[in-house]
């Protein structure tokens, strides 16, 4: 029996299938199956009912998963329980999606520094998928990400803010109909390598809206500048914390059914700096309540 096998068992219970657990744990379906067979063999019990197409946990399997959750939680909390307040005198390596670097992140970190002056924060920008990989490898402590539908196994996330989609249009545009503008004006895409860019593409397809692609960018400032220059329209997240001196472009709501991206503060389970990460969470939530980063 190993902690890795117990984590895989919990992933199966959480995500409902061997395939989903494999995706969450970044291993193959075959590896999940092999780990569970080894676990059953070492314990001499049957953890799964394999009569159906999708194996289901037996009563013994559910009981074992409950005990495994306690074991993993205690193991992951060992280092965090002994470091305590000492973490506020060290370093926090924080990843952040670029769209948060001119509003949420600077205001949140300013509040955090006021409360913990000895804490040194290092920032690493990156897309959400890249930052989650860095969290998994332990190269960063926490990250402000666009939360995906399924978090990788071993990561947890505090919800920070929901940012609904909105349409940016040049200030001289006469129409205020976002659907008309999307169908008639050149379209500046949000990078489809980003989770939000994929959300935009999915929304356009579901609404059967065909756009006239003109360019694809990632930074909100760059996209806003292109829109301001009358080069097209774009769909971007509505900032939870407004930055200083935003460009005077039109910002049009896409309706109550338009999806929102969920910003979260992600971290690796068992991170010894959890107390510091929780303090950062509180600072970011306060930044969202303030709503504007200004001098």
Protein backbone atom coordinates (compact mmCIF):
# COMPACT_ATOMS: atom_id res chain seq x y z
CA UNK A 1 0.00 0.00 0.00
CA UNK A 2 1.30 3.48 -0.89
CA UNK A 3 0.10 7.06 -0.52
CA UNK A 4 -0.03 7.29 -4.31
CA UNK A 5 -2.49 4.40 -4.43
CA UNK A 6 -4.62 6.01 -1.74
CA UNK A 7 -4.65 9.31 -3.64
CA UNK A 8 -5.76 7.46 -6.77
CA UNK A 9 -8.54 5.72 -4.82
CA UNK A 10 -9.77 9.10 -3.61
CA UNK A 11 -9.61 10.49 -7.17
CA UNK A 12 -11.86 7.65 -8.36
CA UNK A 13 -14.34 8.38 -5.58
CA UNK A 14 -14.25 12.13 -6.30
CA UNK A 15 -14.46 12.01 -10.10
CA UNK A 16 -16.62 8.91 -10.53
CA UNK A 17 -14.60 6.79 -12.95
CA UNK A 18 -11.18 5.32 -13.64
CA UNK A 19 -10.85 7.50 -16.76
CA UNK A 20 -11.63 10.76 -14.95
CA UNK A 21 -9.31 9.79 -12.10
CA UNK A 22 -6.54 9.06 -14.62
CA UNK A 23 -6.96 12.53 -16.12
CA UNK A 24 -6.93 14.18 -12.70
CA UNK A 25 -3.84 12.23 -11.60
CA UNK A 26 -2.03 12.69 -14.94
CA UNK A 27 -1.60 8.93 -15.41
CA UNK A 28 -3.07 6.37 -17.82
CA UNK A 29 -6.30 4.45 -17.34
CA UNK A 30 -4.22 1.27 -17.24
CA UNK A 31 -2.07 2.67 -14.43
CA UNK A 32 -5.19 3.44 -12.37
CA UNK A 33 -6.47 -0.09 -12.89
CA UNK A 34 -3.12 -1.62 -11.94
CA UNK A 35 -2.88 0.48 -8.78
CA UNK A 36 -6.36 -0.52 -7.65
CA UNK A 37 -5.76 -4.22 -8.32
CA UNK A 38 -2.53 -3.99 -6.30
CA UNK A 39 -4.39 -2.25 -3.48
CA UNK A 40 -7.09 -4.95 -3.41
CA UNK A 41 -4.43 -7.66 -3.44
CA UNK A 42 -2.41 -6.13 -0.59
CA UNK A 43 -5.50 -5.67 1.58
CA UNK A 44 -7.21 -8.89 0.53
CA UNK A 45 -10.53 -7.12 -0.11
CA UNK A 46 -12.76 -6.19 -3.05
CA UNK A 47 -12.92 -2.43 -3.44
CA UNK A 48 -14.87 -2.28 -6.72
CA UNK A 49 -17.92 -3.96 -8.17
CA UNK A 50 -16.83 -4.66 -11.74
CA UNK A 51 -20.08 -6.22 -12.97
CA UNK A 52 -21.20 -2.98 -14.58
CA UNK A 53 -19.50 -1.14 -17.44
CA UNK A 54 -18.14 1.42 -14.98
CA UNK A 55 -16.60 -0.08 -11.80
CA UNK A 56 -18.26 1.21 -8.63
CA UNK A 57 -16.95 1.29 -5.08
CA UNK A 58 -18.25 -1.49 -2.86
CA UNK A 59 -19.29 -0.69 0.74
CA UNK A 60 -15.81 -1.83 1.76
CA UNK A 61 -14.32 0.42 -0.90
CA UNK A 62 -16.26 3.44 0.35
CA UNK A 63 -15.19 2.75 3.92
CA UNK A 64 -11.56 2.40 2.82
CA UNK A 65 -11.77 5.66 0.86
CA UNK A 66 -13.07 7.45 3.96
CA UNK A 67 -10.14 6.16 6.02
CA UNK A 68 -7.74 6.99 3.18
CA UNK A 69 -8.97 10.60 3.17
CA UNK A 70 -8.10 10.92 6.86
CA UNK A 71 -4.65 9.41 6.29
CA UNK A 72 -3.87 11.73 3.37
CA UNK A 73 -5.14 14.80 5.25
CA UNK A 74 -2.99 13.99 8.31
CA UNK A 75 0.06 13.26 6.16
CA UNK A 76 -0.30 16.45 4.11
CA UNK A 77 -0.72 18.54 7.26
CA UNK A 78 2.41 17.40 9.11
CA UNK A 79 4.78 20.13 7.90
CA UNK A 80 2.15 22.86 7.86
CA UNK A 81 1.37 22.19 11.53
CA UNK A 82 4.96 22.76 12.67
CA UNK A 83 5.86 25.84 10.60
CA UNK A 84 3.00 28.08 11.77
CA UNK A 85 3.60 31.80 11.82
CA UNK A 86 7.25 31.45 10.78
CA UNK A 87 6.06 31.39 7.16
CA UNK A 88 5.23 35.10 7.24
CA UNK A 89 8.94 35.91 7.55
CA UNK A 90 9.91 33.96 4.44
CA UNK A 91 9.04 33.92 0.75
CA UNK A 92 5.82 33.20 -1.12
CA UNK A 93 6.24 32.28 -4.79
CA UNK A 94 2.97 33.24 -6.47
CA UNK A 95 1.90 32.51 -10.04
CA UNK A 96 -0.76 34.65 -11.71
CA UNK A 97 -2.57 34.78 -15.03
CA UNK A 98 -1.50 37.97 -16.85
CA UNK A 99 -5.02 39.45 -16.88
CA UNK A 100 -4.84 39.90 -13.09
CA UNK A 101 -1.47 41.66 -12.96
CA UNK A 102 -2.75 45.24 -13.28
CA UNK A 103 -5.70 45.07 -10.88
CA UNK A 104 -6.37 42.16 -8.55
CA UNK A 105 -2.79 41.04 -7.90
CA UNK A 106 -1.16 44.42 -7.12
CA UNK A 107 -4.03 45.53 -4.89
CA UNK A 108 -4.22 42.18 -3.11
CA UNK A 109 -0.46 42.02 -2.53
CA UNK A 110 -0.44 45.61 -1.30
CA UNK A 111 -3.00 44.65 1.35
CA UNK A 112 -1.04 41.50 2.20
CA UNK A 113 2.17 43.47 2.64
CA UNK A 114 0.46 45.95 4.96
CA UNK A 115 -0.50 43.03 7.21
CA UNK A 116 2.74 41.02 6.92
CA UNK A 117 5.62 43.38 6.18
CA UNK A 118 8.31 40.68 6.47
CA UNK A 119 6.75 38.44 3.81
CA UNK A 120 8.58 38.54 0.46
CA UNK A 121 6.45 37.70 -2.60
CA UNK A 122 7.87 36.60 -5.96
CA UNK A 123 5.52 36.73 -8.98
CA UNK A 124 5.54 34.34 -11.94
CA UNK A 125 3.08 35.17 -14.76
CA UNK A 126 1.68 32.31 -16.82
CA UNK A 127 -1.42 30.71 -18.29
CA UNK A 128 -3.57 28.64 -15.94
CA UNK A 129 -2.54 25.23 -17.32
CA UNK A 130 1.14 26.17 -17.06
CA UNK A 131 0.72 27.41 -13.50
CA UNK A 132 -1.06 24.23 -12.43
CA UNK A 133 1.84 22.19 -13.79
CA UNK A 134 4.26 24.35 -11.78
CA UNK A 135 2.15 23.84 -8.66
CA UNK A 136 2.23 20.09 -9.23
CA UNK A 137 6.04 20.20 -9.56
CA UNK A 138 6.41 22.38 -6.48
CA UNK A 139 8.17 25.24 -8.28
CA UNK A 140 5.58 27.78 -7.06
CA UNK A 141 3.59 27.91 -3.82
CA UNK A 142 0.23 29.17 -5.07
CA UNK A 143 -1.31 30.72 -8.18
CA UNK A 144 -4.17 32.97 -9.23
CA UNK A 145 -5.72 30.95 -12.06
CA UNK A 146 -8.88 30.64 -14.11
CA UNK A 147 -10.35 27.61 -12.40
CA UNK A 148 -10.90 24.70 -14.81
CA UNK A 149 -13.94 22.41 -14.68
CA UNK A 150 -11.73 19.70 -13.19
CA UNK A 151 -8.77 20.44 -10.91
CA UNK A 152 -5.80 18.06 -11.20
CA UNK A 153 -5.48 15.53 -8.41
CA UNK A 154 -3.54 16.94 -5.47
CA UNK A 155 -4.53 20.59 -6.06
CA UNK A 156 -7.07 22.63 -4.13
CA UNK A 157 -8.41 26.10 -4.87
CA UNK A 158 -9.96 29.00 -2.95
CA UNK A 159 -12.59 30.87 -4.99
CA UNK A 160 -11.68 34.55 -5.34
CA UNK A 161 -14.08 36.12 -7.85
CA UNK A 162 -16.33 35.44 -10.83
CA UNK A 163 -15.65 37.58 -13.91
CA UNK A 164 -18.44 37.47 -16.53
CA UNK A 165 -17.77 37.82 -20.24
CA UNK A 166 -18.22 41.24 -21.78
CA UNK A 167 -17.81 42.70 -25.26
CA UNK A 168 -15.30 45.47 -25.90
CA UNK A 169 -16.12 47.78 -28.82
CA UNK A 170 -14.54 51.01 -30.14
CA UNK A 171 -15.94 54.14 -28.44
CA UNK A 172 -17.19 55.54 -31.76
CA UNK A 173 -19.30 52.45 -32.48
CA UNK A 174 -22.94 53.47 -32.90
CA UNK A 175 -24.51 50.08 -32.19
CA UNK A 176 -24.83 48.75 -28.65
CA UNK A 177 -26.01 45.32 -29.80
CA UNK A 178 -23.19 42.87 -28.95
CA UNK A 179 -24.48 40.13 -31.25
CA UNK A 180 -24.68 42.49 -34.22
CA UNK A 181 -21.17 43.74 -33.54
CA UNK A 182 -19.80 40.20 -33.29
CA UNK A 183 -21.32 39.28 -36.66
CA UNK A 184 -20.31 42.45 -38.51
CA UNK A 185 -17.03 43.70 -37.05
CA UNK A 186 -13.53 42.11 -37.14
CA UNK A 187 -12.99 39.91 -34.09
CA UNK A 188 -9.95 40.07 -31.81
CA UNK A 189 -9.71 36.69 -30.11
CA UNK A 190 -8.64 36.06 -26.56
CA UNK A 191 -5.81 33.48 -26.71
CA UNK A 192 -7.37 30.02 -27.14
CA UNK A 193 -4.49 28.46 -25.20
CA UNK A 194 -6.02 30.13 -22.14
CA UNK A 195 -9.01 28.63 -20.34
CA UNK A 196 -10.99 31.85 -20.84
CA UNK A 197 -10.23 31.83 -24.57
CA UNK A 198 -11.65 28.30 -24.75
CA UNK A 199 -14.75 29.47 -22.87
CA UNK A 200 -15.25 32.25 -25.44
CA UNK A 201 -14.93 29.80 -28.34
CA UNK A 202 -17.45 27.42 -26.73
CA UNK A 203 -19.93 30.25 -26.16
CA UNK A 204 -19.65 31.45 -29.76
CA UNK A 205 -20.22 27.93 -31.08
CA UNK A 206 -23.24 27.33 -28.83
CA UNK A 207 -24.79 30.63 -30.00
CA UNK A 208 -23.91 29.72 -33.63
CA UNK A 209 -22.10 33.04 -34.04
CA UNK A 210 -19.57 33.15 -36.87
CA UNK A 211 -16.95 35.84 -36.33
CA UNK A 212 -14.43 37.45 -38.66
CA UNK A 213 -11.09 36.68 -37.02
CA UNK A 214 -8.52 39.44 -37.31
CA UNK A 215 -5.98 38.63 -34.58
CA UNK A 216 -5.50 36.58 -31.41
CA UNK A 217 -3.99 38.10 -28.25
CA UNK A 218 -3.75 37.28 -24.53
CA UNK A 219 -3.19 40.51 -22.60
CA UNK A 220 -6.21 42.63 -21.72
CA UNK A 221 -4.23 45.84 -22.20
CA UNK A 222 -3.14 44.78 -25.70
CA UNK A 223 -6.67 43.72 -26.65
CA UNK A 224 -8.16 46.95 -25.29
CA UNK A 225 -5.63 49.01 -27.24
CA UNK A 226 -6.48 47.22 -30.49
CA UNK A 227 -10.19 47.80 -29.87
CA UNK A 228 -9.52 51.44 -29.02
CA UNK A 229 -7.72 51.76 -32.37
CA UNK A 230 -10.96 50.64 -34.10
CA UNK A 231 -9.40 47.36 -35.28
CA UNK A 232 -12.26 45.18 -34.10
CA UNK A 233 -14.30 43.97 -31.14
CA UNK A 234 -13.39 41.40 -28.52
CA UNK A 235 -14.81 39.30 -25.70
CA UNK A 236 -12.87 39.62 -22.44
CA UNK A 237 -13.51 39.01 -18.74
CA UNK A 238 -15.01 41.87 -16.75
CA UNK A 239 -12.33 42.68 -14.20
CA UNK A 240 -13.17 42.04 -10.56
CA UNK A 241 -10.66 44.79 -9.70
CA UNK A 242 -10.50 47.68 -12.15
CA UNK A 243 -7.05 48.97 -13.04
CA UNK A 244 -6.01 52.62 -13.06
CA UNK A 245 -6.96 54.75 -16.08
CA UNK A 246 -8.80 52.15 -18.20
CA UNK A 247 -9.17 52.96 -21.89
CA UNK A 248 -12.56 54.52 -22.76
CA UNK A 249 -13.79 51.63 -24.91
CA UNK A 250 -17.40 50.46 -24.86
CA UNK A 251 -18.08 47.59 -22.47
CA UNK A 252 -21.26 45.71 -23.33
CA UNK A 253 -22.84 42.91 -21.29
CA UNK A 254 -23.52 39.65 -23.13
CA UNK A 255 -26.65 38.77 -21.18
CA UNK A 256 -27.46 36.84 -18.03
CA UNK A 257 -26.71 33.49 -19.67
CA UNK A 258 -23.16 34.43 -20.65
CA UNK A 259 -20.65 32.38 -18.66
CA UNK A 260 -18.18 33.81 -16.20
CA UNK A 261 -14.66 32.68 -15.47
CA UNK A 262 -13.95 31.76 -11.87
CA UNK A 263 -10.70 33.14 -10.56
CA UNK A 264 -9.19 31.08 -7.79
CA UNK A 265 -6.10 30.83 -5.63
CA UNK A 266 -4.78 27.32 -6.29
CA UNK A 267 -2.23 25.46 -4.21
CA UNK A 268 -0.82 21.99 -3.72
CA UNK A 269 -2.46 19.88 -1.02
CA UNK A 270 -0.23 19.66 2.02
CA UNK A 271 1.65 22.88 1.22
CA UNK A 272 3.55 23.86 4.38
CA UNK A 273 2.79 27.52 3.64
CA UNK A 274 -0.98 27.04 3.87
CA UNK A 275 -1.29 29.65 6.64
CA UNK A 276 0.40 32.21 4.38
CA UNK A 277 -1.73 31.17 1.41
CA UNK A 278 -4.89 31.66 3.48
CA UNK A 279 -3.67 35.14 4.40
CA UNK A 280 -3.17 35.85 0.68
CA UNK A 281 -6.69 34.58 0.01
CA UNK A 282 -8.11 37.01 2.57
CA UNK A 283 -6.15 39.88 0.98
CA UNK A 284 -7.39 39.06 -2.52
CA UNK A 285 -11.00 38.79 -1.30
CA UNK A 286 -10.64 42.22 0.32
CA UNK A 287 -9.22 43.55 -2.98
CA UNK A 288 -12.32 42.28 -4.79
CA UNK A 289 -14.55 44.03 -2.23
CA UNK A 290 -12.65 47.31 -2.83
CA UNK A 291 -13.03 46.74 -6.58
CA UNK A 292 -10.54 49.29 -7.92
CA UNK A 293 -6.76 49.59 -7.89
CA UNK A 294 -5.79 53.25 -7.70
CA UNK A 295 -2.88 55.30 -6.44
